[in-house]
Amino acid sequence: MHPNTRALVAATAASLVAGGGNAGVVYDYSRSRYLRISGTASIASVSLYDYDRSCHFSGSASSLYDYGRGCHVSLAIDGESFSGYDYGDGHHFSGTVNGTSVSMYDYGESSHFSYAA
């Protein structure tokens, strides 16, 4: 999965687990950098903007579209856990949210990633 897509999924999951709301900066521990985003995420609608790639990441909570890559991403939230599929790379991912901390496993990369959202 593209690193920015992964960070946007983490921000979306964190927002949805918290009950929805505004999304802002996400810290990507694997790249030791901040990703500047803006927008809102709720079960009914996700509308985020990735300033790094100058593109939108939006849709419903379960069916998202990454306009920077031109691909769909599915997302399912179950309590504080989430899982999904990146149709651009053809791989699954899963993770957990603990407050503002997000841990995600990307099956395509065979690696764990951590974020602060």
N, C-alpha and C. Protein backbone atom coordinates (compact mmCIF):
# COMPACT_ATOMS: atom_id res chain seq x y z
N MET A 1 0.84 -1.18 0.00
CA MET A 1 0.00 0.00 0.00
C MET A 1 0.89 1.24 0.00
N HIS A 2 0.49 2.24 -0.72
CA HIS A 2 1.24 3.49 -0.76
C HIS A 2 1.30 4.07 0.66
N PRO A 3 2.45 4.61 1.09
CA PRO A 3 2.57 5.14 2.45
C PRO A 3 1.52 6.20 2.80
N ASN A 4 1.18 7.09 1.87
CA ASN A 4 0.17 8.10 2.17
C ASN A 4 -1.22 7.49 2.30
N THR A 5 -1.52 6.50 1.47
CA THR A 5 -2.81 5.82 1.58
C THR A 5 -2.93 5.15 2.93
N ARG A 6 -1.86 4.51 3.36
CA ARG A 6 -1.84 3.84 4.67
C ARG A 6 -2.09 4.86 5.78
N ALA A 7 -1.46 6.02 5.71
CA ALA A 7 -1.64 7.06 6.73
C ALA A 7 -3.07 7.60 6.70
N LEU A 8 -3.66 7.74 5.52
CA LEU A 8 -5.04 8.21 5.40
C LEU A 8 -6.02 7.18 5.97
N VAL A 9 -5.75 5.90 5.75
CA VAL A 9 -6.58 4.85 6.34
C VAL A 9 -6.47 4.91 7.86
N ALA A 10 -5.27 5.11 8.38
CA ALA A 10 -5.07 5.22 9.83
C ALA A 10 -5.85 6.41 10.40
N ALA A 11 -5.80 7.55 9.73
CA ALA A 11 -6.53 8.74 10.18
C ALA A 11 -8.03 8.49 10.14
N THR A 12 -8.50 7.83 9.08
CA THR A 12 -9.93 7.53 8.94
C THR A 12 -10.38 6.58 10.04
N ALA A 13 -9.61 5.52 10.26
CA ALA A 13 -9.96 4.54 11.30
C ALA A 13 -9.99 5.20 12.68
N ALA A 14 -9.00 6.02 13.00
CA ALA A 14 -8.95 6.70 14.30
C ALA A 14 -10.17 7.59 14.48
N SER A 15 -10.54 8.31 13.44
CA SER A 15 -11.68 9.20 13.51
C SER A 15 -12.98 8.42 13.68
N LEU A 16 -13.12 7.32 12.95
CA LEU A 16 -14.35 6.53 13.03
C LEU A 16 -14.50 5.83 14.38
N VAL A 17 -13.40 5.31 14.92
CA VAL A 17 -13.45 4.66 16.23
C VAL A 17 -13.84 5.68 17.31
N ALA A 18 -13.40 6.92 17.14
CA ALA A 18 -13.73 7.98 18.10
C ALA A 18 -15.16 8.51 17.92
N GLY A 19 -15.87 8.00 16.92
CA GLY A 19 -17.24 8.45 16.69
C GLY A 19 -17.39 9.49 15.60
N GLY A 20 -16.32 9.73 14.85
CA GLY A 20 -16.36 10.70 13.75
C GLY A 20 -15.83 12.04 14.17
N GLY A 21 -15.51 12.87 13.19
CA GLY A 21 -15.02 14.21 13.47
C GLY A 21 -13.98 14.66 12.48
N ASN A 22 -13.29 15.73 12.87
CA ASN A 22 -12.29 16.32 11.99
C ASN A 22 -10.99 15.52 12.03
N ALA A 23 -10.30 15.51 10.92
CA ALA A 23 -8.98 14.89 10.84
C ALA A 23 -7.97 15.97 10.51
N GLY A 24 -6.79 15.86 11.09
CA GLY A 24 -5.75 16.85 10.83
C GLY A 24 -4.45 16.17 10.50
N VAL A 25 -3.40 16.57 11.16
CA VAL A 25 -2.07 16.03 10.91
C VAL A 25 -1.97 14.59 11.43
N VAL A 26 -1.29 13.73 10.66
CA VAL A 26 -1.02 12.36 11.07
C VAL A 26 0.49 12.18 11.12
N TYR A 27 1.00 11.60 12.21
CA TYR A 27 2.43 11.33 12.29
C TYR A 27 2.68 9.88 11.89
N ASP A 28 3.55 9.68 10.92
CA ASP A 28 3.92 8.36 10.42
C ASP A 28 5.27 7.99 11.03
N TYR A 29 5.26 7.07 12.01
CA TYR A 29 6.49 6.70 12.70
C TYR A 29 7.48 5.99 11.77
N SER A 30 7.02 5.26 10.78
CA SER A 30 7.93 4.54 9.88
C SER A 30 8.73 5.49 9.00
N ARG A 31 8.15 6.65 8.69
CA ARG A 31 8.85 7.65 7.87
C ARG A 31 9.34 8.83 8.69
N SER A 32 9.04 8.81 10.01
CA SER A 32 9.45 9.89 10.92
C SER A 32 9.05 11.26 10.38
N ARG A 33 7.80 11.35 9.97
CA ARG A 33 7.33 12.62 9.42
C ARG A 33 5.83 12.77 9.58
N TYR A 34 5.39 14.03 9.50
CA TYR A 34 3.98 14.36 9.55
C TYR A 34 3.38 14.39 8.15
N LEU A 35 2.15 13.93 8.04
CA LEU A 35 1.38 14.03 6.81
C LEU A 35 0.26 15.01 7.10
N ARG A 36 0.22 16.11 6.38
CA ARG A 36 -0.79 17.13 6.60
C ARG A 36 -2.04 16.79 5.79
N ILE A 37 -3.14 16.60 6.51
CA ILE A 37 -4.42 16.32 5.88
C ILE A 37 -5.47 17.22 6.50
N SER A 38 -6.61 17.30 5.85
CA SER A 38 -7.74 18.01 6.44
C SER A 38 -9.02 17.33 5.98
N GLY A 39 -10.08 17.57 6.72
CA GLY A 39 -11.37 17.00 6.36
C GLY A 39 -12.07 16.36 7.53
N THR A 40 -13.12 15.63 7.22
CA THR A 40 -13.92 14.97 8.24
C THR A 40 -14.15 13.50 7.87
N ALA A 41 -14.43 12.73 8.89
CA ALA A 41 -14.73 11.31 8.68
C ALA A 41 -15.85 10.89 9.62
N SER A 42 -16.89 10.29 9.05
CA SER A 42 -17.98 9.70 9.81
C SER A 42 -18.40 8.44 9.07
N ILE A 43 -19.24 7.64 9.70
CA ILE A 43 -19.70 6.40 9.06
C ILE A 43 -20.38 6.71 7.72
N ALA A 44 -21.12 7.78 7.64
CA ALA A 44 -21.86 8.13 6.42
C ALA A 44 -20.96 8.68 5.32
N SER A 45 -19.90 9.42 5.71
CA SER A 45 -19.11 10.10 4.70
C SER A 45 -17.69 10.38 5.19
N VAL A 46 -16.74 10.08 4.34
CA VAL A 46 -15.33 10.42 4.60
C VAL A 46 -14.90 11.37 3.49
N SER A 47 -14.33 12.50 3.89
CA SER A 47 -13.86 13.48 2.93
C SER A 47 -12.56 14.08 3.46
N LEU A 48 -11.43 13.52 3.03
CA LEU A 48 -10.12 13.98 3.47
C LEU A 48 -9.33 14.51 2.29
N TYR A 49 -8.40 15.40 2.58
CA TYR A 49 -7.53 15.94 1.55
C TYR A 49 -6.08 15.74 1.98
N ASP A 50 -5.28 15.15 1.10
CA ASP A 50 -3.87 14.87 1.33
C ASP A 50 -3.07 16.00 0.68
N TYR A 51 -2.47 16.87 1.50
CA TYR A 51 -1.72 18.02 0.97
C TYR A 51 -0.40 17.60 0.32
N ASP A 52 0.18 16.49 0.74
CA ASP A 52 1.43 16.01 0.13
C ASP A 52 1.23 15.68 -1.34
N ARG A 53 0.14 15.01 -1.66
CA ARG A 53 -0.11 14.58 -3.03
C ARG A 53 -1.14 15.45 -3.73
N SER A 54 -1.70 16.44 -3.04
CA SER A 54 -2.73 17.33 -3.59
C SER A 54 -3.89 16.53 -4.17
N CYS A 55 -4.46 15.65 -3.33
CA CYS A 55 -5.57 14.83 -3.80
C CYS A 55 -6.53 14.50 -2.67
N HIS A 56 -7.71 14.08 -3.06
CA HIS A 56 -8.76 13.70 -2.12
C HIS A 56 -8.72 12.21 -1.82
N PHE A 57 -9.25 11.87 -0.64
CA PHE A 57 -9.45 10.50 -0.20
C PHE A 57 -10.84 10.51 0.41
N SER A 58 -11.81 9.93 -0.29
CA SER A 58 -13.19 10.11 0.16
C SER A 58 -14.08 8.94 -0.22
N GLY A 59 -15.31 9.00 0.28
CA GLY A 59 -16.33 7.98 0.02
C GLY A 59 -17.10 7.71 1.28
N SER A 60 -17.71 6.54 1.36
CA SER A 60 -18.35 6.12 2.61
C SER A 60 -17.28 5.44 3.45
N ALA A 61 -17.57 5.22 4.71
CA ALA A 61 -16.58 4.61 5.60
C ALA A 61 -16.14 3.23 5.10
N SER A 62 -17.02 2.51 4.46
CA SER A 62 -16.67 1.15 4.02
C SER A 62 -16.09 1.09 2.61
N SER A 63 -16.32 2.12 1.80
CA SER A 63 -15.85 2.13 0.42
C SER A 63 -15.22 3.48 0.10
N LEU A 64 -13.90 3.53 0.17
CA LEU A 64 -13.16 4.78 -0.02
C LEU A 64 -12.49 4.79 -1.38
N TYR A 65 -12.15 5.99 -1.83
CA TYR A 65 -11.46 6.13 -3.11
C TYR A 65 -10.27 7.06 -2.92
N ASP A 66 -9.09 6.58 -3.32
CA ASP A 66 -7.86 7.36 -3.26
C ASP A 66 -7.65 7.99 -4.64
N TYR A 67 -7.96 9.27 -4.77
CA TYR A 67 -7.86 9.95 -6.05
C TYR A 67 -6.41 10.10 -6.52
N GLY A 68 -5.46 10.08 -5.61
CA GLY A 68 -4.06 10.18 -5.98
C GLY A 68 -3.55 8.95 -6.70
N ARG A 69 -4.12 7.81 -6.39
CA ARG A 69 -3.72 6.55 -7.01
C ARG A 69 -4.79 6.01 -7.95
N GLY A 70 -5.99 6.57 -7.89
CA GLY A 70 -7.07 6.10 -8.75
C GLY A 70 -7.54 4.71 -8.40
N CYS A 71 -7.69 4.44 -7.10
CA CYS A 71 -8.11 3.10 -6.70
C CYS A 71 -9.01 3.14 -5.46
N HIS A 72 -9.78 2.08 -5.30
CA HIS A 72 -10.67 1.93 -4.15
C HIS A 72 -9.95 1.26 -2.99
N VAL A 73 -10.43 1.57 -1.78
CA VAL A 73 -9.95 0.95 -0.56
C VAL A 73 -11.17 0.62 0.28
N SER A 74 -11.32 -0.65 0.67
CA SER A 74 -12.44 -1.01 1.55
C SER A 74 -11.95 -0.93 2.99
N LEU A 75 -12.87 -0.61 3.90
CA LEU A 75 -12.53 -0.48 5.31
C LEU A 75 -13.71 -0.95 6.15
N ALA A 76 -13.43 -1.80 7.14
CA ALA A 76 -14.46 -2.27 8.07
C ALA A 76 -13.97 -2.00 9.49
N ILE A 77 -14.82 -1.37 10.28
CA ILE A 77 -14.51 -1.05 11.67
C ILE A 77 -15.28 -2.00 12.58
N ASP A 78 -14.59 -2.59 13.55
CA ASP A 78 -15.22 -3.49 14.52
C ASP A 78 -14.69 -3.14 15.90
N GLY A 79 -15.41 -2.27 16.61
CA GLY A 79 -14.93 -1.79 17.90
C GLY A 79 -13.71 -0.92 17.70
N GLU A 80 -12.58 -1.32 18.29
CA GLU A 80 -11.33 -0.59 18.12
C GLU A 80 -10.43 -1.23 17.07
N SER A 81 -10.93 -2.26 16.40
CA SER A 81 -10.16 -2.94 15.35
C SER A 81 -10.70 -2.55 13.98
N PHE A 82 -9.85 -2.67 12.97
CA PHE A 82 -10.29 -2.40 11.61
C PHE A 82 -9.55 -3.34 10.65
N SER A 83 -10.12 -3.51 9.49
CA SER A 83 -9.50 -4.32 8.44
C SER A 83 -10.00 -3.81 7.10
N GLY A 84 -9.32 -4.21 6.05
CA GLY A 84 -9.75 -3.77 4.73
C GLY A 84 -8.88 -4.32 3.64
N TYR A 85 -9.10 -3.77 2.45
CA TYR A 85 -8.42 -4.25 1.25
C TYR A 85 -8.09 -3.06 0.35
N ASP A 86 -6.84 -3.01 -0.09
CA ASP A 86 -6.39 -1.97 -1.00
C ASP A 86 -6.44 -2.55 -2.41
N TYR A 87 -7.40 -2.09 -3.21
CA TYR A 87 -7.58 -2.60 -4.57
C TYR A 87 -6.48 -2.14 -5.51
N GLY A 88 -5.76 -1.09 -5.16
CA GLY A 88 -4.66 -0.62 -6.00
C GLY A 88 -3.49 -1.58 -6.00
N ASP A 89 -3.16 -2.11 -4.82
CA ASP A 89 -2.04 -3.05 -4.70
C ASP A 89 -2.51 -4.49 -4.59
N GLY A 90 -3.79 -4.68 -4.29
CA GLY A 90 -4.33 -6.02 -4.18
C GLY A 90 -3.93 -6.75 -2.91
N HIS A 91 -3.89 -6.00 -1.79
CA HIS A 91 -3.50 -6.62 -0.51
C HIS A 91 -4.43 -6.19 0.62
N HIS A 92 -4.55 -7.06 1.61
CA HIS A 92 -5.32 -6.78 2.82
C HIS A 92 -4.48 -6.00 3.82
N PHE A 93 -5.17 -5.39 4.78
CA PHE A 93 -4.53 -4.73 5.91
C PHE A 93 -5.45 -4.89 7.11
N SER A 94 -4.89 -4.75 8.31
CA SER A 94 -5.70 -4.80 9.53
C SER A 94 -4.97 -3.99 10.59
N GLY A 95 -5.72 -3.60 11.62
CA GLY A 95 -5.10 -2.82 12.67
C GLY A 95 -6.00 -2.56 13.84
N THR A 96 -5.47 -1.78 14.79
CA THR A 96 -6.20 -1.40 15.99
C THR A 96 -5.99 0.08 16.28
N VAL A 97 -6.97 0.65 16.95
CA VAL A 97 -6.90 2.05 17.36
C VAL A 97 -6.96 2.09 18.88
N ASN A 98 -6.04 2.82 19.48
CA ASN A 98 -6.03 3.01 20.93
C ASN A 98 -5.88 4.50 21.19
N GLY A 99 -7.02 5.18 21.36
CA GLY A 99 -7.01 6.63 21.50
C GLY A 99 -6.60 7.27 20.19
N THR A 100 -5.46 7.97 20.20
CA THR A 100 -4.96 8.59 18.97
C THR A 100 -3.85 7.75 18.33
N SER A 101 -3.53 6.60 18.92
CA SER A 101 -2.49 5.73 18.37
C SER A 101 -3.12 4.66 17.48
N VAL A 102 -2.53 4.48 16.30
CA VAL A 102 -3.03 3.49 15.35
C VAL A 102 -1.88 2.56 14.98
N SER A 103 -2.14 1.27 15.07
CA SER A 103 -1.17 0.26 14.65
C SER A 103 -1.81 -0.52 13.51
N MET A 104 -1.07 -0.66 12.41
CA MET A 104 -1.62 -1.32 11.22
C MET A 104 -0.62 -2.34 10.68
N TYR A 105 -1.15 -3.47 10.23
CA TYR A 105 -0.34 -4.46 9.54
C TYR A 105 -0.73 -4.46 8.07
N ASP A 106 0.25 -4.23 7.21
CA ASP A 106 0.04 -4.20 5.76
C ASP A 106 0.54 -5.55 5.22
N TYR A 107 -0.39 -6.39 4.77
CA TYR A 107 -0.03 -7.73 4.28
C TYR A 107 0.80 -7.67 3.00
N GLY A 108 0.66 -6.62 2.22
CA GLY A 108 1.45 -6.47 1.01
C GLY A 108 2.91 -6.17 1.33
N GLU A 109 3.14 -5.41 2.39
CA GLU A 109 4.50 -5.07 2.82
C GLU A 109 5.03 -6.09 3.83
N SER A 110 4.14 -6.93 4.37
CA SER A 110 4.50 -7.89 5.44
C SER A 110 5.17 -7.16 6.60
N SER A 111 4.55 -6.05 7.01
CA SER A 111 5.15 -5.22 8.05
C SER A 111 4.09 -4.46 8.83
N HIS A 112 4.46 -4.10 10.07
CA HIS A 112 3.61 -3.28 10.95
C HIS A 112 3.99 -1.81 10.77
N PHE A 113 2.99 -0.94 10.91
CA PHE A 113 3.19 0.50 10.83
C PHE A 113 2.43 1.16 11.96
N SER A 114 2.99 2.25 12.50
CA SER A 114 2.36 2.96 13.61
C SER A 114 2.17 4.43 13.25
N TYR A 115 1.05 4.97 13.75
CA TYR A 115 0.67 6.36 13.47
C TYR A 115 0.12 7.02 14.72
N ALA A 116 0.23 8.32 14.79
CA ALA A 116 -0.47 9.13 15.77
C ALA A 116 -1.40 10.03 14.98
N ALA A 117 -2.70 9.86 15.23
CA ALA A 117 -3.70 10.60 14.47
C ALA A 117 -4.46 11.57 15.36
